[in-house]
Protein backbone atom coordinates (compact mmCIF):
# COMPACT_ATOMS: atom_id res chain seq x y z
CA MET A 1 -6.48 41.41 -13.50
CA ASN A 2 -6.11 38.82 -16.27
CA ILE A 3 -7.34 35.88 -14.26
CA SER A 4 -10.28 35.06 -16.50
CA LYS A 5 -8.25 35.19 -19.71
CA ASN A 6 -5.29 33.27 -18.23
CA LEU A 7 -7.50 30.60 -16.64
CA GLN A 8 -9.32 29.96 -19.91
CA TYR A 9 -6.01 29.76 -21.76
CA LEU A 10 -4.45 27.33 -19.27
CA ARG A 11 -7.49 25.08 -19.25
CA LYS A 12 -7.68 24.83 -23.04
CA LYS A 13 -3.92 24.45 -23.36
CA ASN A 14 -4.03 21.43 -21.06
CA LYS A 15 -7.16 20.07 -22.77
CA ILE A 16 -9.25 20.11 -19.60
CA THR A 17 -12.99 20.75 -19.62
CA GLN A 18 -14.65 23.15 -17.18
CA GLU A 19 -16.27 20.20 -15.41
CA GLU A 20 -12.94 18.38 -15.00
CA LEU A 21 -11.25 21.49 -13.64
CA ALA A 22 -14.16 22.03 -11.27
CA ASP A 23 -13.76 18.49 -9.93
CA ARG A 24 -10.05 19.01 -9.36
CA LEU A 25 -10.63 22.27 -7.50
CA GLY A 26 -13.63 21.07 -5.56
CA VAL A 27 -16.05 23.67 -6.96
CA SER A 28 -19.03 23.68 -9.34
CA ARG A 29 -18.71 23.96 -13.10
CA GLN A 30 -20.71 27.18 -12.93
CA SER A 31 -18.03 28.71 -10.70
CA VAL A 32 -15.31 27.94 -13.25
CA SER A 33 -17.50 29.39 -16.01
CA LYS A 34 -18.00 32.63 -14.05
CA TRP A 35 -14.24 32.88 -13.37
CA GLU A 36 -13.51 32.60 -17.08
CA THR A 37 -16.12 35.20 -18.09
CA GLY A 38 -15.04 37.63 -15.36
CA GLU A 39 -18.39 37.50 -13.54
CA ALA A 40 -16.64 36.30 -10.39
CA TYR A 41 -13.12 35.73 -9.08
CA PRO A 42 -11.66 32.68 -7.27
CA GLU A 43 -11.01 32.89 -3.56
CA THR A 44 -7.40 32.96 -2.37
CA ASP A 45 -7.21 29.24 -1.58
CA LYS A 46 -8.64 28.39 -5.01
CA LEU A 47 -6.13 30.71 -6.69
CA ILE A 48 -3.32 28.77 -5.02
CA CYS A 49 -4.87 25.48 -6.16
CA ILE A 50 -5.08 26.78 -9.72
CA CYS A 51 -1.39 27.75 -9.63
CA ASP A 52 -0.48 24.29 -8.32
CA GLU A 53 -2.68 22.59 -10.91
CA PHE A 54 -1.08 24.36 -13.89
CA GLY A 55 2.40 25.03 -12.51
CA VAL A 56 2.29 28.82 -12.77
CA SER A 57 3.02 31.59 -10.27
CA LEU A 58 0.28 33.59 -8.62
CA ASP A 59 1.68 36.82 -10.08
CA ALA A 60 1.67 35.38 -13.61
CA LEU A 61 -1.88 34.13 -13.21
CA MET A 62 -3.24 37.45 -11.93
CA ARG A 63 -1.18 40.03 -13.83
CA GLY A 64 0.55 38.33 -16.75
CA ASP A 65 -0.64 37.45 -20.22
CA LEU A 66 0.20 33.75 -20.48
CA ALA A 67 -1.14 33.41 -24.02
CA GLU A 68 0.98 36.30 -25.27
CA ASN A 69 4.14 34.87 -23.69
CA GLN A 70 3.61 31.55 -25.48
CA PRO A 71 6.06 31.18 -28.43
CA GLU A 72 4.21 31.41 -31.75
CA ASN A 73 5.86 28.29 -33.15
CA GLN A 74 5.04 26.17 -30.11
CA THR A 75 1.98 24.16 -31.05
CA GLU A 76 1.76 22.06 -27.91
CA ALA A 77 2.82 22.36 -24.31
CA GLN A 78 6.44 21.56 -23.65
CA PRO A 79 7.22 19.46 -20.61
CA SER A 80 8.32 21.47 -17.59
CA GLU A 81 11.04 20.63 -15.14
CA ASN A 82 8.45 19.13 -12.85
CA SER A 83 6.71 17.05 -15.55
CA PHE A 84 6.25 13.47 -14.53
CA ASN A 85 6.91 10.20 -16.27
CA LYS A 86 3.59 8.60 -17.17
CA ALA A 87 4.95 5.06 -17.04
CA GLU A 88 6.56 5.82 -13.68
CA PHE A 89 3.26 7.13 -12.33
CA ALA A 90 1.39 3.97 -13.36
CA ALA A 91 4.16 1.76 -11.96
CA HIS A 92 4.13 3.65 -8.66
CA ILE A 93 0.37 3.27 -8.20
CA ASP A 94 0.66 -0.44 -9.03
CA LYS A 95 3.39 -0.99 -6.40
CA PHE A 96 1.61 1.11 -3.78
CA SER A 97 -1.73 -0.65 -4.24
CA LYS A 98 -0.11 -4.08 -4.06
CA GLY A 99 1.93 -3.19 -0.98
CA ILE A 100 -0.97 -1.77 1.04
CA ALA A 101 -3.35 -4.54 -0.06
CA ALA A 102 -0.76 -7.16 0.93
CA GLY A 103 -0.47 -5.60 4.39
CA VAL A 104 -4.23 -5.73 4.93
CA PHE A 105 -4.34 -9.30 3.64
CA LEU A 106 -1.53 -10.45 5.95
CA ILE A 107 -3.18 -9.05 9.08
CA LEU A 108 -6.43 -10.90 8.47
CA LEU A 109 -4.63 -14.04 7.27
CA GLY A 110 -2.49 -14.00 10.42
CA VAL A 111 -5.62 -13.97 12.56
CA ALA A 112 -7.08 -16.81 10.46
CA ILE A 113 -3.95 -18.95 10.94
CA PHE A 114 -4.01 -18.19 14.64
CA MET A 115 -7.62 -19.43 14.83
CA VAL A 116 -6.61 -22.70 13.15
CA ILE A 117 -3.78 -23.19 15.65
CA ALA A 118 -6.13 -22.27 18.53
CA GLY A 119 -8.60 -24.83 17.25
CA PHE A 120 -5.99 -27.60 17.37
CA ALA A 121 -4.92 -26.39 20.82
CA GLU A 122 -8.52 -26.84 22.04
CA MET A 123 -8.34 -30.49 20.94
CA LEU A 124 -5.19 -31.11 22.93
CA SER A 125 -4.17 -30.58 26.52
CA GLY A 126 -1.16 -29.98 28.70
CA LYS A 127 2.09 -28.46 27.44
CA THR A 128 1.35 -29.27 23.81
CA ALA A 129 -1.72 -27.05 23.89
CA GLU A 130 0.22 -24.29 25.65
CA LEU A 131 3.01 -24.47 23.05
CA LEU A 132 0.47 -24.24 20.23
CA GLU A 133 -1.10 -21.16 21.83
CA ILE A 134 2.33 -19.54 22.18
CA LEU A 135 3.12 -20.43 18.55
CA GLY A 136 -0.15 -18.88 17.43
CA ALA A 137 0.55 -15.67 19.34
CA VAL A 138 4.06 -15.45 17.86
CA LEU A 139 2.76 -16.02 14.34
CA ILE A 140 0.04 -13.37 14.57
CA ILE A 141 2.56 -10.85 15.92
CA ALA A 142 4.92 -11.75 13.06
CA PHE A 143 2.20 -11.27 10.45
CA ILE A 144 1.27 -7.90 11.98
CA ALA A 145 4.94 -6.88 12.03
CA VAL A 146 5.31 -7.67 8.32
CA ALA A 147 2.09 -5.78 7.56
CA VAL A 148 3.25 -2.74 9.54
CA PHE A 149 6.54 -2.82 7.59
CA LEU A 150 4.59 -2.82 4.31
CA PHE A 151 2.35 0.03 5.48
CA VAL A 152 5.28 2.16 6.61
CA PHE A 153 7.54 1.46 3.64
CA PHE A 154 4.96 1.92 0.88
CA GLY A 155 3.31 4.77 2.77
CA MET A 156 6.60 6.70 2.92
CA GLU A 157 7.32 5.92 -0.72
CA HIS A 158 3.88 7.20 -1.68
CA GLU A 159 4.37 10.35 0.40
CA ARG A 160 7.74 10.99 -1.29
CA TYR A 161 6.23 10.47 -4.73
CA THR A 162 3.25 12.74 -4.11
CA LYS A 163 5.53 15.51 -2.86
CA GLU A 164 7.53 15.25 -6.10
CA ASN A 165 4.34 15.01 -8.19
CA PRO A 166 1.62 16.93 -6.33
CA SER A 167 -0.43 17.36 -9.48
CA VAL A 168 -0.53 15.19 -12.58
CA THR A 169 -2.33 15.48 -15.88
CA ASP A 170 -4.64 12.91 -17.42
CA ILE A 171 -2.65 10.04 -18.98
CA PHE A 172 -5.62 7.94 -20.16
CA ASP A 173 -8.17 8.81 -22.79
CA ARG A 174 -11.86 8.90 -21.95
CA ALA A 175 -12.50 5.44 -23.45
CA GLN A 176 -9.90 3.86 -21.13
CA VAL A 177 -11.27 5.69 -18.09
CA ASN A 178 -14.85 4.64 -18.89
CA ALA A 179 -13.82 1.04 -19.51
CA TYR A 180 -12.03 0.81 -16.16
CA GLY A 181 -14.91 2.58 -14.41
CA LYS A 182 -17.35 -0.11 -15.56
CA ARG A 183 -14.90 -2.86 -14.63
CA PHE A 184 -14.26 -1.28 -11.23
CA ALA A 185 -17.98 -1.06 -10.47
CA LYS A 186 -18.48 -4.75 -11.31
CA ILE A 187 -15.48 -5.85 -9.26
CA MET A 188 -16.48 -3.87 -6.18
CA ALA A 189 -20.08 -5.12 -6.43
CA CYS A 190 -18.85 -8.74 -6.61
CA LEU A 191 -16.48 -8.26 -3.65
CA ALA A 192 -19.21 -6.60 -1.57
CA SER A 193 -21.48 -9.56 -2.31
CA GLY A 194 -18.59 -11.84 -1.38
CA ILE A 195 -18.44 -10.30 2.09
CA LEU A 196 -22.17 -10.94 2.57
CA PHE A 197 -21.81 -14.55 1.46
CA ASP A 198 -18.86 -14.94 3.82
CA VAL A 199 -20.91 -13.60 6.75
CA VAL A 200 -23.78 -15.94 5.82
CA PHE A 201 -21.31 -18.86 5.78
CA LEU A 202 -20.12 -17.92 9.29
CA VAL A 203 -23.62 -17.55 10.71
CA VAL A 204 -25.02 -20.72 9.11
CA LEU A 205 -22.16 -23.02 10.10
CA THR A 206 -21.93 -21.75 13.69
CA SER A 207 -25.73 -22.13 13.98
CA LEU A 208 -25.51 -25.69 12.68
CA VAL A 209 -22.84 -26.47 15.26
CA ASP A 210 -24.98 -24.87 18.01
CA ALA A 211 -27.97 -26.92 16.95
CA GLN A 212 -25.74 -30.02 16.78
CA VAL A 213 -26.76 -30.59 13.18
CA ILE A 214 -23.04 -30.71 12.63
CA VAL A 215 -21.70 -32.89 15.42
CA ALA A 216 -18.23 -31.87 16.60
CA ALA A 217 -16.12 -33.69 19.14
CA ASN A 218 -14.94 -30.28 20.37
CA GLU A 219 -17.28 -27.38 19.68
CA ASP A 220 -14.73 -24.67 20.55
CA ALA A 221 -12.28 -26.17 18.06
CA ALA A 222 -15.04 -26.33 15.42
CA TYR A 223 -15.88 -22.66 15.99
CA GLY A 224 -12.20 -21.82 15.62
CA PHE A 225 -11.92 -23.62 12.28
CA ILE A 226 -15.12 -21.98 10.98
CA VAL A 227 -13.91 -18.52 11.98
CA ALA A 228 -10.54 -19.26 10.39
CA ILE A 229 -12.16 -20.06 7.05
CA PHE A 230 -14.30 -16.94 7.37
CA LEU A 231 -11.26 -14.73 8.08
CA ALA A 232 -9.19 -16.30 5.29
CA ALA A 233 -11.93 -15.56 2.76
CA LEU A 234 -12.34 -12.07 4.24
CA ALA A 235 -8.60 -11.47 3.92
CA VAL A 236 -8.75 -12.17 0.18
CA ILE A 237 -11.87 -10.06 -0.36
CA VAL A 238 -10.74 -7.07 1.68
CA GLY A 239 -7.27 -7.23 0.19
CA LEU A 240 -8.73 -7.10 -3.32
CA MET A 241 -11.05 -4.24 -2.33
CA VAL A 242 -8.07 -2.22 -1.08
CA TYR A 243 -6.04 -3.05 -4.20
CA PHE A 244 -8.71 -2.03 -6.71
CA GLY A 245 -9.70 0.97 -4.61
CA ILE A 246 -6.16 2.37 -4.81
CA GLN A 247 -5.87 1.34 -8.48
CA ASN A 248 -8.90 3.53 -9.13
CA ASN A 249 -6.70 6.58 -8.46
CA LYS A 250 -4.58 5.63 -11.48
CA TYR A 251 -7.54 6.26 -13.74
CA ASN A 252 -9.28 8.94 -11.68
CA ILE A 253 -6.60 11.63 -11.91
CA SER A 254 -8.78 14.38 -10.45
CA GLU A 255 -9.31 12.27 -7.31
CA TYR A 256 -5.57 11.59 -7.08
CA ASN A 257 -4.84 15.32 -7.30
CA LYS A 258 -7.50 16.10 -4.72
CA GLN A 259 -6.19 13.46 -2.29
CA THR A 260 -2.62 14.61 -2.80
CA ARG A 261 -3.53 18.22 -1.99
CA ASN A 262 -5.33 17.05 1.16
CA GLU A 263 -2.40 14.87 2.22
CA LEU A 264 0.22 17.57 1.63
CA ASN A 265 -1.94 20.27 3.25
CA PRO A 266 -4.03 18.42 5.82
CA THR A 267 -6.58 20.40 7.76
CA PRO A 268 -6.48 20.36 11.57
CA ARG A 269 -9.64 18.24 11.54
CA LYS A 270 -8.03 15.65 9.26
CA LYS A 271 -4.97 15.48 11.51
CA LEU A 272 -7.25 14.95 14.51
CA ALA A 273 -9.22 12.25 12.68
CA ASP A 274 -6.03 10.40 11.74
CA ALA A 275 -4.76 10.58 15.32
CA ILE A 276 -8.05 9.25 16.69
CA CYS A 277 -8.13 6.38 14.19
CA CYS A 278 -4.55 5.45 15.05
CA ALA A 279 -5.40 5.44 18.75
CA VAL A 280 -8.53 3.32 18.13
CA MET A 281 -6.62 0.60 16.22
CA LEU A 282 -3.75 0.54 18.74
CA THR A 283 -6.31 0.22 21.54
CA ALA A 284 -8.08 -2.58 19.66
CA THR A 285 -4.79 -4.47 19.32
CA ALA A 286 -3.99 -4.01 22.99
CA VAL A 287 -7.47 -5.15 24.04
CA TYR A 288 -7.22 -8.22 21.82
CA LEU A 289 -3.89 -9.28 23.29
CA VAL A 290 -5.06 -8.66 26.86
CA ILE A 291 -8.32 -10.63 26.58
CA GLY A 292 -6.44 -13.35 24.73
CA PHE A 293 -3.54 -13.86 27.16
CA VAL A 294 -5.43 -13.07 30.38
CA TRP A 295 -8.81 -14.69 29.75
CA ASN A 296 -7.88 -16.94 26.78
CA LEU A 297 -10.68 -15.39 24.72
CA TRP A 298 -8.90 -15.27 21.39
CA HIS A 299 -12.26 -16.16 19.96
CA PRO A 300 -14.46 -14.12 19.86
CA GLY A 301 -11.87 -11.50 20.81
CA TRP A 302 -10.96 -10.94 17.13
CA VAL A 303 -14.21 -8.96 16.83
CA VAL A 304 -12.36 -5.88 18.20
CA PHE A 305 -10.54 -5.45 14.85
CA PRO A 306 -13.59 -5.09 12.55
CA VAL A 307 -15.29 -2.98 15.24
CA GLY A 308 -12.21 -0.73 15.35
CA GLY A 309 -12.21 -0.48 11.57
CA ILE A 310 -15.90 0.49 11.52
CA ILE A 311 -15.32 3.15 14.18
CA CYS A 312 -12.42 4.58 12.17
CA GLY A 313 -14.53 4.65 9.03
CA ILE A 314 -17.33 6.53 10.82
CA ILE A 315 -14.88 9.02 12.33
CA SER A 316 -13.19 9.69 8.98
CA ALA A 317 -16.55 10.09 7.22
CA LEU A 318 -17.84 12.56 9.85
CA PHE A 319 -14.68 14.68 9.79
CA ARG A 320 -14.57 14.63 5.96
CA ALA A 321 -18.20 15.69 5.77
CA ASN A 322 -17.59 18.61 8.09
CA ASP A 323 -14.54 19.66 6.07
CA ASP A 324 -16.55 19.60 2.86
């Protein structure tokens, strides 16, 4: 078998280090080194990943001599039929990150606007208050509907694109990747701190209202306005976190390729985790609407959404850890 010789040739031809290839395949650098020296051979699933990564057939990888078949006058790799447009790749990630981030932002902003309307409704009475509550419910449903449209549309576009481009090569040099990595770390650290400050704002102001340091004519309305400000700030912060998190895939090509392989070939455990998370968030929405319309507990009923998100995060992390 010519696996060791062909693998070394393909890696050097595509200007990929052993460490980078190991990251893309989900193995150690030592494993790649042993494959190239012939001390060990890749397992079947890794052989398939190698073929997908370099766009060669399994038979050519195992039996052929790829270096010998390379034309002598060809000094650099020619684009294949499945080669991707680098500008198109960057534009796609930009659109996808903006679309998904906008959906997350709209959901939280819709809840914030609802809390403002609910606060005014608490200050009024009779049919005017009832009309405001109905208006708030309609608005939050409208915001969620727009967000769902964005999730579905950009999600399907991303799925189509990843099927057409299941594996891409590095389009940024190391200096660009390192520069964005430093910028990304600073941005995420600032946004994480922003969430903590936002929580402190919520706790301090509600405590001041409870202690009557801040005197409010209607405490329920005051709580509603405070929560609305908290959610509006949270919408901006979380939206930015989602945006920059997805943008990170534009510079972290190995992570993009890994995620694409997992999405196109999901394990049974991943499918189960996705189904559970979907059920959790649908249940959270149903619970929120029920306790809102039946018991008029729109606040603090909104807590079900972050709780649902935390549960989904824990479930995904547990299933991913078991898969690894």
